[in-house]
N, C-alpha and C. Protein backbone atom coordinates (compact mmCIF):
# COMPACT_ATOMS: atom_id res chain seq x y z
N UNK A 1 23.28 172.58 221.65
CA UNK A 1 21.83 172.39 221.65
C UNK A 1 21.46 171.26 220.74
N UNK A 2 20.50 170.55 221.17
CA UNK A 2 20.02 169.39 220.38
C UNK A 2 18.69 169.77 219.76
N UNK A 3 18.63 169.63 218.42
CA UNK A 3 17.38 169.97 217.71
C UNK A 3 16.59 168.70 217.46
N UNK A 4 15.43 168.69 217.95
CA UNK A 4 14.57 167.52 217.72
C UNK A 4 13.75 167.73 216.44
N UNK A 5 13.80 166.73 215.59
CA UNK A 5 13.04 166.81 214.34
C UNK A 5 11.75 166.01 214.48
N UNK A 6 10.73 166.60 213.94
CA UNK A 6 9.45 165.87 213.97
C UNK A 6 9.49 164.72 212.97
N UNK A 7 8.90 163.64 213.31
CA UNK A 7 8.89 162.49 212.38
C UNK A 7 8.17 162.83 211.07
N UNK A 8 8.65 162.21 209.99
CA UNK A 8 8.03 162.46 208.68
C UNK A 8 6.59 161.98 208.69
N UNK A 9 5.75 162.72 208.04
CA UNK A 9 4.33 162.31 208.03
C UNK A 9 4.14 160.99 207.27
N UNK A 10 3.25 160.22 207.76
CA UNK A 10 2.93 158.93 207.11
C UNK A 10 1.83 159.17 206.09
N UNK A 11 2.15 158.84 204.81
CA UNK A 11 1.16 159.04 203.74
C UNK A 11 0.69 157.68 203.25
N UNK A 12 -0.53 157.43 203.43
CA UNK A 12 -1.08 156.15 202.99
C UNK A 12 -1.45 156.25 201.51
N UNK A 13 -1.06 155.23 200.74
CA UNK A 13 -1.41 155.29 199.30
C UNK A 13 -2.92 155.28 199.10
N UNK A 14 -3.31 156.08 198.15
CA UNK A 14 -4.75 156.15 197.88
C UNK A 14 -5.11 155.11 196.82
N UNK A 15 -6.11 154.40 197.06
CA UNK A 15 -6.56 153.37 196.12
C UNK A 15 -7.63 153.96 195.21
N UNK A 16 -7.44 153.65 193.88
CA UNK A 16 -8.47 154.11 192.93
C UNK A 16 -9.74 153.32 193.18
N UNK A 17 -10.85 153.95 193.05
CA UNK A 17 -12.10 153.22 193.33
C UNK A 17 -12.30 152.08 192.35
N UNK A 18 -12.78 150.94 192.84
CA UNK A 18 -13.02 149.78 192.00
C UNK A 18 -14.23 150.05 191.13
N UNK A 19 -14.12 149.61 189.83
CA UNK A 19 -15.29 149.83 188.95
C UNK A 19 -16.47 149.01 189.41
N UNK A 20 -17.61 149.55 189.18
CA UNK A 20 -18.84 148.84 189.54
C UNK A 20 -19.06 147.70 188.55
N UNK A 21 -19.88 146.70 188.91
CA UNK A 21 -20.18 145.60 187.97
C UNK A 21 -20.72 146.10 186.64
N UNK A 22 -21.49 147.22 186.69
CA UNK A 22 -22.04 147.74 185.44
C UNK A 22 -20.93 148.25 184.52
N UNK A 23 -19.92 148.96 185.15
CA UNK A 23 -18.80 149.48 184.37
C UNK A 23 -17.96 148.36 183.79
N UNK A 24 -17.74 147.29 184.61
CA UNK A 24 -16.97 146.14 184.11
C UNK A 24 -17.67 145.52 182.91
N UNK A 25 -18.99 145.38 182.98
CA UNK A 25 -19.75 144.79 181.87
C UNK A 25 -19.67 145.63 180.62
N UNK A 26 -19.71 146.96 180.79
CA UNK A 26 -19.62 147.86 179.63
C UNK A 26 -18.28 147.73 178.94
N UNK A 27 -17.17 147.65 179.74
CA UNK A 27 -15.83 147.51 179.16
C UNK A 27 -15.70 146.20 178.40
N UNK A 28 -16.21 145.12 179.02
CA UNK A 28 -16.11 143.81 178.35
C UNK A 28 -16.90 143.81 177.05
N UNK A 29 -18.09 144.45 177.06
CA UNK A 29 -18.91 144.50 175.84
C UNK A 29 -18.20 145.27 174.74
N UNK A 30 -17.55 146.39 175.10
CA UNK A 30 -16.84 147.19 174.11
C UNK A 30 -15.69 146.39 173.49
N UNK A 31 -14.92 145.65 174.34
CA UNK A 31 -13.82 144.84 173.83
C UNK A 31 -14.34 143.74 172.92
N UNK A 32 -15.47 143.11 173.33
CA UNK A 32 -16.04 142.03 172.52
C UNK A 32 -16.49 142.56 171.16
N UNK A 33 -17.07 143.78 171.15
CA UNK A 33 -17.51 144.36 169.87
C UNK A 33 -16.32 144.64 168.96
N UNK A 34 -15.21 145.16 169.56
CA UNK A 34 -14.02 145.44 168.76
C UNK A 34 -13.46 144.16 168.15
N UNK A 35 -13.41 143.09 169.00
CA UNK A 35 -12.89 141.80 168.49
C UNK A 35 -13.79 141.26 167.39
N UNK A 36 -15.13 141.43 167.55
CA UNK A 36 -16.07 140.93 166.55
C UNK A 36 -15.89 141.64 165.22
N UNK A 37 -15.71 142.99 165.28
CA UNK A 37 -15.52 143.77 164.05
C UNK A 37 -14.23 143.36 163.37
N UNK A 38 -13.13 143.20 164.17
CA UNK A 38 -11.85 142.81 163.59
C UNK A 38 -11.94 141.44 162.94
N UNK A 39 -12.61 140.48 163.62
CA UNK A 39 -12.76 139.12 163.07
C UNK A 39 -13.56 139.14 161.78
N UNK A 40 -14.64 139.98 161.76
CA UNK A 40 -15.49 140.07 160.57
C UNK A 40 -14.71 140.62 159.39
N UNK A 41 -13.89 141.66 159.64
CA UNK A 41 -13.09 142.23 158.56
C UNK A 41 -12.08 141.24 158.03
N UNK A 42 -11.47 140.45 158.94
CA UNK A 42 -10.49 139.46 158.51
C UNK A 42 -11.14 138.37 157.68
N UNK A 43 -12.36 137.93 158.10
CA UNK A 43 -13.03 136.87 157.37
C UNK A 43 -13.45 137.34 155.98
N UNK A 44 -13.84 138.64 155.88
CA UNK A 44 -14.22 139.16 154.56
C UNK A 44 -13.03 139.16 153.61
N UNK A 45 -11.87 139.59 154.13
CA UNK A 45 -10.69 139.66 153.27
C UNK A 45 -10.16 138.28 152.93
N UNK A 46 -10.50 137.27 153.77
CA UNK A 46 -9.99 135.92 153.54
C UNK A 46 -10.90 135.09 152.64
N UNK A 47 -12.12 135.58 152.35
CA UNK A 47 -13.06 134.82 151.54
C UNK A 47 -12.57 134.69 150.11
N UNK A 48 -12.68 133.47 149.52
CA UNK A 48 -12.25 133.29 148.12
C UNK A 48 -13.21 133.99 147.18
N UNK A 49 -12.80 134.28 145.95
CA UNK A 49 -13.70 134.92 145.00
C UNK A 49 -14.88 134.02 144.68
N UNK A 50 -16.02 134.63 144.42
CA UNK A 50 -17.23 133.86 144.12
C UNK A 50 -17.06 133.09 142.82
N UNK A 51 -17.34 131.77 142.83
CA UNK A 51 -17.15 130.98 141.61
C UNK A 51 -18.19 131.30 140.55
N UNK A 52 -17.87 130.97 139.30
CA UNK A 52 -18.81 131.19 138.22
C UNK A 52 -19.99 130.24 138.36
N UNK A 53 -21.15 130.66 137.84
CA UNK A 53 -22.31 129.77 137.82
C UNK A 53 -21.91 128.54 137.02
N UNK A 54 -22.21 127.37 137.55
CA UNK A 54 -21.68 126.11 137.01
C UNK A 54 -22.07 125.87 135.55
N UNK A 55 -23.32 126.13 135.19
CA UNK A 55 -23.78 125.79 133.85
C UNK A 55 -23.97 126.99 132.93
N UNK A 56 -24.50 128.08 133.46
CA UNK A 56 -24.94 129.21 132.62
C UNK A 56 -23.81 129.76 131.76
N UNK A 57 -24.15 130.01 130.49
CA UNK A 57 -23.18 130.59 129.58
C UNK A 57 -23.18 129.90 128.23
N UNK A 58 -22.24 130.29 127.41
CA UNK A 58 -22.09 129.74 126.06
C UNK A 58 -20.85 128.85 126.03
N UNK A 59 -21.02 127.65 125.47
CA UNK A 59 -19.94 126.67 125.40
C UNK A 59 -19.78 126.21 123.96
N UNK A 60 -18.56 126.06 123.49
CA UNK A 60 -18.31 125.75 122.08
C UNK A 60 -17.38 124.56 121.92
N UNK A 61 -17.63 123.79 120.86
CA UNK A 61 -16.76 122.65 120.58
C UNK A 61 -17.28 121.86 119.39
N UNK A 62 -16.59 120.78 119.07
CA UNK A 62 -17.00 119.87 118.00
C UNK A 62 -17.30 118.51 118.62
N UNK A 63 -18.34 117.84 118.10
CA UNK A 63 -18.71 116.53 118.63
C UNK A 63 -19.22 115.65 117.50
N UNK A 64 -18.88 114.38 117.56
CA UNK A 64 -19.24 113.44 116.49
C UNK A 64 -20.76 113.24 116.43
N UNK A 65 -21.29 113.29 115.20
CA UNK A 65 -22.72 113.10 114.98
C UNK A 65 -22.98 112.02 113.93
N UNK A 66 -22.32 110.89 114.13
CA UNK A 66 -22.56 109.74 113.25
C UNK A 66 -22.05 109.96 111.85
N UNK A 67 -22.94 109.82 110.85
CA UNK A 67 -22.52 109.90 109.46
C UNK A 67 -22.04 111.29 109.06
N UNK A 68 -22.33 112.31 109.87
CA UNK A 68 -21.89 113.68 109.55
C UNK A 68 -20.52 114.00 110.14
N UNK A 69 -19.95 113.08 110.87
CA UNK A 69 -18.64 113.30 111.44
C UNK A 69 -18.66 114.31 112.59
N UNK A 70 -17.53 115.00 112.79
CA UNK A 70 -17.42 115.98 113.86
C UNK A 70 -18.08 117.29 113.43
N UNK A 71 -19.11 117.68 114.15
CA UNK A 71 -19.90 118.86 113.81
C UNK A 71 -19.67 119.96 114.86
N UNK A 72 -19.36 121.20 114.43
CA UNK A 72 -19.22 122.31 115.40
C UNK A 72 -20.56 122.64 116.05
N UNK A 73 -20.55 122.78 117.35
CA UNK A 73 -21.75 123.14 118.11
C UNK A 73 -21.45 124.30 119.04
N UNK A 74 -22.44 125.14 119.25
CA UNK A 74 -22.41 126.13 120.31
C UNK A 74 -23.63 125.87 121.19
N UNK A 75 -23.39 125.62 122.47
CA UNK A 75 -24.47 125.32 123.41
C UNK A 75 -24.63 126.50 124.36
N UNK A 76 -25.85 127.00 124.47
CA UNK A 76 -26.15 128.07 125.42
C UNK A 76 -27.02 127.49 126.52
N UNK A 77 -26.47 127.44 127.73
CA UNK A 77 -27.18 126.85 128.86
C UNK A 77 -27.73 127.92 129.79
N UNK A 78 -28.94 127.68 130.29
CA UNK A 78 -29.54 128.59 131.27
C UNK A 78 -28.97 128.28 132.64
N UNK A 79 -29.16 129.22 133.58
CA UNK A 79 -28.68 129.01 134.95
C UNK A 79 -29.30 127.76 135.54
N UNK A 80 -28.48 126.97 136.21
CA UNK A 80 -28.97 125.74 136.81
C UNK A 80 -29.08 124.59 135.83
N UNK A 81 -28.79 124.85 134.54
CA UNK A 81 -28.86 123.78 133.54
C UNK A 81 -30.27 123.33 133.22
N UNK A 82 -31.25 124.26 133.30
CA UNK A 82 -32.65 123.88 133.09
C UNK A 82 -33.07 123.95 131.62
N UNK A 83 -32.24 124.53 130.77
CA UNK A 83 -32.58 124.66 129.35
C UNK A 83 -31.31 124.79 128.53
N UNK A 84 -31.36 124.22 127.32
CA UNK A 84 -30.20 124.25 126.42
C UNK A 84 -30.64 124.69 125.04
N UNK A 85 -29.89 125.61 124.43
CA UNK A 85 -30.13 126.01 123.04
C UNK A 85 -28.93 125.59 122.22
N UNK A 86 -29.17 124.78 121.18
CA UNK A 86 -28.11 124.28 120.32
C UNK A 86 -28.03 125.13 119.05
N UNK A 87 -26.81 125.50 118.68
CA UNK A 87 -26.57 126.18 117.40
C UNK A 87 -25.59 125.31 116.62
N UNK A 88 -25.98 124.86 115.43
CA UNK A 88 -25.10 124.03 114.62
C UNK A 88 -25.53 124.14 113.17
N UNK A 89 -24.86 123.38 112.31
CA UNK A 89 -25.23 123.36 110.91
C UNK A 89 -26.60 122.77 110.66
N UNK A 90 -27.15 122.09 111.68
CA UNK A 90 -28.50 121.53 111.55
C UNK A 90 -29.57 122.58 111.84
N UNK A 91 -29.16 123.70 112.43
CA UNK A 91 -30.12 124.74 112.79
C UNK A 91 -29.97 125.13 114.25
N UNK A 92 -30.93 125.88 114.76
CA UNK A 92 -30.95 126.31 116.15
C UNK A 92 -32.18 125.73 116.83
N UNK A 93 -31.96 124.99 117.91
CA UNK A 93 -33.06 124.33 118.61
C UNK A 93 -32.89 124.51 120.12
N UNK A 94 -34.01 124.69 120.81
CA UNK A 94 -34.00 124.82 122.26
C UNK A 94 -34.68 123.61 122.89
N UNK A 95 -34.06 123.06 123.93
CA UNK A 95 -34.58 121.85 124.57
C UNK A 95 -34.65 122.05 126.09
N UNK A 96 -35.70 121.51 126.71
CA UNK A 96 -35.70 121.49 128.18
C UNK A 96 -34.65 120.51 128.67
N UNK A 97 -34.08 120.77 129.82
CA UNK A 97 -33.02 119.91 130.34
C UNK A 97 -33.25 119.65 131.83
N UNK A 98 -32.65 118.60 132.34
CA UNK A 98 -32.70 118.28 133.76
C UNK A 98 -31.28 118.25 134.30
N UNK A 99 -31.12 118.67 135.57
CA UNK A 99 -29.79 118.72 136.17
C UNK A 99 -29.83 118.16 137.58
N UNK A 100 -28.77 117.43 137.94
CA UNK A 100 -28.62 116.93 139.31
C UNK A 100 -27.60 117.76 140.09
N UNK A 101 -27.24 118.92 139.54
CA UNK A 101 -26.25 119.78 140.19
C UNK A 101 -24.84 119.56 139.68
N UNK A 102 -24.59 118.39 139.10
CA UNK A 102 -23.27 118.08 138.55
C UNK A 102 -23.31 117.92 137.03
N UNK A 103 -24.40 117.35 136.53
CA UNK A 103 -24.54 117.07 135.10
C UNK A 103 -25.92 117.48 134.61
N UNK A 104 -25.96 118.07 133.42
CA UNK A 104 -27.23 118.41 132.77
C UNK A 104 -27.47 117.43 131.63
N UNK A 105 -28.73 117.01 131.48
CA UNK A 105 -29.09 116.01 130.46
C UNK A 105 -30.28 116.50 129.65
N UNK A 106 -30.24 116.26 128.33
CA UNK A 106 -31.38 116.58 127.47
C UNK A 106 -31.39 115.62 126.29
N UNK A 107 -32.49 115.61 125.53
CA UNK A 107 -32.63 114.70 124.40
C UNK A 107 -32.91 115.46 123.11
N UNK A 108 -32.39 114.92 122.00
CA UNK A 108 -32.63 115.50 120.69
C UNK A 108 -32.93 114.37 119.71
N UNK A 109 -33.14 114.75 118.45
CA UNK A 109 -33.42 113.76 117.43
C UNK A 109 -34.91 113.68 117.12
N UNK A 110 -35.24 113.14 115.97
CA UNK A 110 -36.63 113.04 115.54
C UNK A 110 -37.47 112.27 116.53
N UNK A 111 -36.88 111.24 117.13
CA UNK A 111 -37.60 110.40 118.09
C UNK A 111 -37.08 110.59 119.51
N UNK A 112 -36.39 111.70 119.73
CA UNK A 112 -35.76 111.94 121.04
C UNK A 112 -34.84 110.78 121.43
N UNK A 113 -34.14 110.26 120.43
CA UNK A 113 -33.31 109.08 120.68
C UNK A 113 -31.87 109.42 121.04
N UNK A 114 -31.48 110.68 120.88
CA UNK A 114 -30.11 111.08 121.18
C UNK A 114 -30.07 111.71 122.58
N UNK A 115 -29.31 111.12 123.47
CA UNK A 115 -29.18 111.62 124.84
C UNK A 115 -27.88 112.40 124.98
N UNK A 116 -27.98 113.65 125.39
CA UNK A 116 -26.82 114.49 125.62
C UNK A 116 -26.57 114.64 127.11
N UNK A 117 -25.30 114.64 127.50
CA UNK A 117 -24.92 114.93 128.88
C UNK A 117 -23.84 116.01 128.87
N UNK A 118 -23.95 116.93 129.81
CA UNK A 118 -23.04 118.08 129.89
C UNK A 118 -22.54 118.17 131.33
N UNK A 119 -21.22 117.95 131.52
CA UNK A 119 -20.63 117.95 132.86
C UNK A 119 -19.48 118.96 132.93
N UNK A 120 -19.68 120.11 133.59
CA UNK A 120 -18.60 121.09 133.71
C UNK A 120 -17.43 120.53 134.52
N UNK A 121 -16.21 120.88 134.12
CA UNK A 121 -15.02 120.48 134.88
C UNK A 121 -14.77 121.47 136.01
N UNK A 122 -13.88 121.08 136.92
CA UNK A 122 -13.62 121.89 138.10
C UNK A 122 -12.94 123.23 137.77
N UNK A 123 -12.33 123.34 136.58
CA UNK A 123 -11.66 124.59 136.23
C UNK A 123 -12.64 125.71 135.87
N UNK A 124 -13.92 125.35 135.67
CA UNK A 124 -14.94 126.35 135.37
C UNK A 124 -14.94 126.85 133.95
N UNK A 125 -13.99 126.39 133.13
CA UNK A 125 -13.87 126.89 131.75
C UNK A 125 -14.03 125.80 130.70
N UNK A 126 -14.08 124.55 131.11
CA UNK A 126 -14.27 123.45 130.17
C UNK A 126 -15.35 122.52 130.69
N UNK A 127 -15.89 121.70 129.79
CA UNK A 127 -16.93 120.76 130.16
C UNK A 127 -16.85 119.53 129.27
N UNK A 128 -17.22 118.38 129.84
CA UNK A 128 -17.27 117.14 129.07
C UNK A 128 -18.68 116.98 128.50
N UNK A 129 -18.78 116.84 127.18
CA UNK A 129 -20.07 116.73 126.51
C UNK A 129 -20.14 115.39 125.78
N UNK A 130 -21.27 114.70 125.95
CA UNK A 130 -21.46 113.41 125.26
C UNK A 130 -22.83 113.42 124.57
N UNK A 131 -22.89 112.79 123.41
CA UNK A 131 -24.14 112.63 122.66
C UNK A 131 -24.19 111.18 122.19
N UNK A 132 -25.15 110.42 122.69
CA UNK A 132 -25.21 108.99 122.38
C UNK A 132 -26.62 108.57 122.00
N UNK A 133 -26.71 107.66 121.05
CA UNK A 133 -28.00 107.07 120.68
C UNK A 133 -27.75 105.66 120.18
N UNK A 134 -28.78 104.81 120.20
CA UNK A 134 -28.63 103.45 119.67
C UNK A 134 -28.60 103.41 118.16
N UNK A 135 -28.71 104.58 117.51
CA UNK A 135 -28.78 104.63 116.05
C UNK A 135 -27.50 105.13 115.40
N UNK A 136 -26.40 105.12 116.14
CA UNK A 136 -25.11 105.43 115.51
C UNK A 136 -24.40 106.66 116.00
N UNK A 137 -25.07 107.54 116.75
CA UNK A 137 -24.40 108.72 117.28
C UNK A 137 -23.69 108.34 118.57
N UNK A 138 -22.38 108.56 118.61
CA UNK A 138 -21.60 108.17 119.80
C UNK A 138 -20.45 109.17 119.98
N UNK A 139 -20.83 110.43 120.28
CA UNK A 139 -19.83 111.49 120.36
C UNK A 139 -19.44 111.82 121.79
N UNK A 140 -18.19 112.21 121.96
CA UNK A 140 -17.68 112.65 123.26
C UNK A 140 -16.61 113.70 123.00
N UNK A 141 -16.71 114.85 123.68
CA UNK A 141 -15.79 115.94 123.38
C UNK A 141 -15.67 116.88 124.58
N UNK A 142 -14.62 117.71 124.57
CA UNK A 142 -14.44 118.75 125.57
C UNK A 142 -14.82 120.09 124.96
N UNK A 143 -15.76 120.80 125.61
CA UNK A 143 -16.21 122.10 125.13
C UNK A 143 -15.57 123.20 125.98
N UNK A 144 -15.35 124.36 125.36
CA UNK A 144 -14.77 125.51 126.04
C UNK A 144 -15.86 126.53 126.34
N UNK A 145 -15.75 127.18 127.51
CA UNK A 145 -16.71 128.23 127.85
C UNK A 145 -16.43 129.48 127.01
N UNK A 146 -17.51 130.09 126.49
CA UNK A 146 -17.38 131.33 125.74
C UNK A 146 -17.11 131.11 124.27
N UNK A 147 -17.11 132.20 123.55
CA UNK A 147 -16.81 132.14 122.13
C UNK A 147 -18.04 131.81 121.30
N UNK A 148 -18.02 132.23 120.07
CA UNK A 148 -19.08 131.91 119.12
C UNK A 148 -18.40 131.50 117.81
N UNK A 149 -17.99 130.24 117.72
CA UNK A 149 -17.29 129.81 116.51
C UNK A 149 -18.21 129.82 115.30
N UNK A 150 -17.62 129.95 114.13
CA UNK A 150 -18.40 129.90 112.91
C UNK A 150 -19.04 128.52 112.79
N UNK A 151 -20.32 128.50 112.52
CA UNK A 151 -21.05 127.24 112.42
C UNK A 151 -20.92 126.71 111.00
N UNK A 152 -20.29 125.56 110.89
CA UNK A 152 -20.10 124.96 109.56
C UNK A 152 -21.37 124.26 109.11
N UNK A 153 -21.68 124.39 107.86
CA UNK A 153 -22.82 123.69 107.30
C UNK A 153 -22.50 122.21 107.14
N UNK A 154 -23.49 121.38 107.43
CA UNK A 154 -23.30 119.95 107.25
C UNK A 154 -23.39 119.66 105.75
N UNK A 155 -22.29 119.20 105.22
CA UNK A 155 -22.22 118.97 103.78
C UNK A 155 -22.79 117.60 103.43
N UNK A 156 -23.72 117.59 102.52
CA UNK A 156 -24.31 116.33 102.07
C UNK A 156 -24.82 116.51 100.65
N UNK A 157 -24.74 115.46 99.85
CA UNK A 157 -25.23 115.55 98.50
C UNK A 157 -26.74 115.39 98.44
N UNK A 158 -27.34 115.00 99.59
CA UNK A 158 -28.79 114.85 99.66
C UNK A 158 -29.35 115.83 100.69
N UNK A 159 -30.51 116.41 100.41
CA UNK A 159 -31.11 117.35 101.37
C UNK A 159 -31.62 116.62 102.61
N UNK A 160 -31.65 117.35 103.73
CA UNK A 160 -32.18 116.79 104.98
C UNK A 160 -33.61 117.28 105.13
N UNK A 161 -34.53 116.36 105.28
CA UNK A 161 -35.94 116.72 105.40
C UNK A 161 -36.20 117.44 106.73
N UNK A 162 -37.21 118.28 106.74
CA UNK A 162 -37.58 119.01 107.96
C UNK A 162 -38.69 118.25 108.68
N UNK A 163 -38.51 117.95 109.97
CA UNK A 163 -39.55 117.20 110.70
C UNK A 163 -40.80 118.03 110.93
N UNK A 164 -41.94 117.35 111.02
CA UNK A 164 -43.22 117.99 111.33
C UNK A 164 -43.38 117.99 112.85
N UNK A 165 -43.37 119.17 113.43
CA UNK A 165 -43.34 119.27 114.90
C UNK A 165 -44.53 118.57 115.56
N UNK A 166 -45.73 118.74 114.99
CA UNK A 166 -46.92 118.19 115.63
C UNK A 166 -47.19 116.72 115.25
N UNK A 167 -46.35 116.16 114.36
CA UNK A 167 -46.53 114.77 113.94
C UNK A 167 -45.19 114.05 113.94
N UNK A 168 -44.78 113.51 115.08
CA UNK A 168 -43.51 112.76 115.14
C UNK A 168 -43.53 111.60 114.15
N UNK A 169 -42.43 111.42 113.42
CA UNK A 169 -42.34 110.35 112.43
C UNK A 169 -42.68 110.79 111.03
N UNK A 170 -43.09 112.06 110.87
CA UNK A 170 -43.41 112.58 109.55
C UNK A 170 -42.51 113.78 109.24
N UNK A 171 -42.21 113.96 107.94
CA UNK A 171 -41.36 115.07 107.52
C UNK A 171 -41.99 115.74 106.30
N UNK A 172 -41.55 116.99 106.06
CA UNK A 172 -41.97 117.69 104.85
C UNK A 172 -41.10 117.23 103.69
N UNK A 173 -41.66 117.22 102.51
CA UNK A 173 -40.92 116.83 101.31
C UNK A 173 -39.85 117.88 101.03
N UNK A 174 -38.56 117.53 101.10
CA UNK A 174 -37.50 118.53 100.89
C UNK A 174 -37.45 119.05 99.46
N UNK A 175 -38.05 118.31 98.51
CA UNK A 175 -38.05 118.75 97.11
C UNK A 175 -39.30 119.57 96.77
N UNK A 176 -40.28 119.53 97.67
CA UNK A 176 -41.49 120.33 97.46
C UNK A 176 -42.07 120.69 98.83
N UNK A 177 -41.45 121.69 99.50
CA UNK A 177 -41.87 122.05 100.86
C UNK A 177 -43.32 122.49 100.97
N UNK A 178 -43.93 122.90 99.84
CA UNK A 178 -45.33 123.36 99.87
C UNK A 178 -46.33 122.23 99.70
N UNK A 179 -45.83 121.03 99.44
CA UNK A 179 -46.72 119.89 99.22
C UNK A 179 -47.53 119.60 100.48
N UNK A 180 -48.80 119.30 100.29
CA UNK A 180 -49.68 119.00 101.43
C UNK A 180 -49.44 117.59 101.95
N UNK A 181 -48.91 116.74 101.11
CA UNK A 181 -48.69 115.35 101.51
C UNK A 181 -47.39 115.27 102.30
N UNK A 182 -47.47 114.75 103.53
CA UNK A 182 -46.30 114.56 104.37
C UNK A 182 -45.69 113.19 104.11
N UNK A 183 -44.41 113.08 104.34
CA UNK A 183 -43.71 111.82 104.11
C UNK A 183 -43.54 111.08 105.43
N UNK A 184 -43.92 109.82 105.43
CA UNK A 184 -43.85 108.99 106.63
C UNK A 184 -42.47 108.33 106.72
N UNK A 185 -41.71 108.69 107.77
CA UNK A 185 -40.39 108.07 107.98
C UNK A 185 -40.33 107.39 109.34
N UNK A 186 -41.50 106.98 109.82
CA UNK A 186 -41.58 106.33 111.13
C UNK A 186 -40.68 105.10 111.17
N UNK A 187 -39.87 105.01 112.21
CA UNK A 187 -38.98 103.86 112.37
C UNK A 187 -37.67 103.98 111.63
N UNK A 188 -37.50 105.03 110.81
CA UNK A 188 -36.25 105.21 110.08
C UNK A 188 -35.25 105.96 110.97
N UNK A 189 -34.08 105.42 111.20
CA UNK A 189 -33.07 106.09 112.05
C UNK A 189 -32.64 107.41 111.45
N UNK A 190 -32.28 108.35 112.32
CA UNK A 190 -31.76 109.63 111.87
C UNK A 190 -30.51 109.42 111.02
N UNK A 191 -30.46 110.08 109.86
CA UNK A 191 -29.32 109.93 108.96
C UNK A 191 -29.55 108.92 107.85
N UNK A 192 -30.68 108.23 107.91
CA UNK A 192 -30.99 107.23 106.87
C UNK A 192 -31.38 107.92 105.57
N UNK A 193 -30.91 107.36 104.45
CA UNK A 193 -31.31 107.87 103.13
C UNK A 193 -32.63 107.23 102.72
N UNK A 194 -33.59 108.06 102.33
CA UNK A 194 -34.93 107.59 101.95
C UNK A 194 -35.29 108.18 100.60
N UNK A 195 -36.03 107.42 99.80
CA UNK A 195 -36.42 107.90 98.46
C UNK A 195 -37.77 108.60 98.53
N UNK A 196 -37.83 109.77 97.89
CA UNK A 196 -39.10 110.49 97.77
C UNK A 196 -39.94 109.77 96.71
N UNK A 197 -41.12 109.26 97.09
CA UNK A 197 -41.90 108.48 96.12
C UNK A 197 -42.40 109.28 94.92
N UNK A 198 -42.51 110.58 95.05
CA UNK A 198 -43.06 111.36 93.95
C UNK A 198 -41.99 111.73 92.91
N UNK A 199 -40.74 111.89 93.36
CA UNK A 199 -39.68 112.30 92.42
C UNK A 199 -38.62 111.21 92.22
N UNK A 200 -38.58 110.25 93.12
CA UNK A 200 -37.57 109.21 93.04
C UNK A 200 -36.21 109.66 93.55
N UNK A 201 -36.13 110.89 94.07
CA UNK A 201 -34.86 111.40 94.58
C UNK A 201 -34.67 111.01 96.05
N UNK A 202 -33.42 110.94 96.46
CA UNK A 202 -33.10 110.57 97.81
C UNK A 202 -33.02 111.80 98.73
N UNK A 203 -33.40 111.59 99.99
CA UNK A 203 -33.22 112.63 101.02
C UNK A 203 -32.84 111.93 102.32
N UNK A 204 -32.44 112.72 103.29
CA UNK A 204 -31.96 112.17 104.56
C UNK A 204 -32.95 112.45 105.69
N UNK A 205 -33.20 111.43 106.50
CA UNK A 205 -34.09 111.56 107.65
C UNK A 205 -33.40 112.42 108.71
N UNK A 206 -34.07 113.43 109.23
CA UNK A 206 -33.43 114.31 110.22
C UNK A 206 -33.23 113.61 111.57
């Protein structure tokens, strides 16, 4: 006997339904968001540390001041270099300053004849400081950020007169600070020795 076998059934592969345009857009948006988050995290970790403010802080060093030689100074600068406070053997004084973003400049002296320039170096911890005037001050030095060095007194055998703030060119008598008569030192360079007419003693123009 011959047994006839029925042919094997034909099974057509079933195709998964194609995603709709809306579903495709949702998938692409999700992938784009994941890539965006990953890129953002990588960029945050790759960012360099924030640099120090260029000018703000305390800077210390010694700089030549003419007849007084190298004088220790501590300079306290405001953010942006808009103001400078000097601490030295001459006293503590605050001056307005101007900055171009790279260098801060201010003036000191009885006649505002001393021009200071302060230029921070790229290392963020040192700065080039210059103090120049046509009357003999020609200092240039490197200052360090931070620290409060001991301020040395300017040694002189003659007292330094105190300027009259509201009257440029006039000083108080260093031998009689209570005297009502002011001393006229107009045109006298800073550091000049002048004789007190009432006592005959010498003093130094600030």
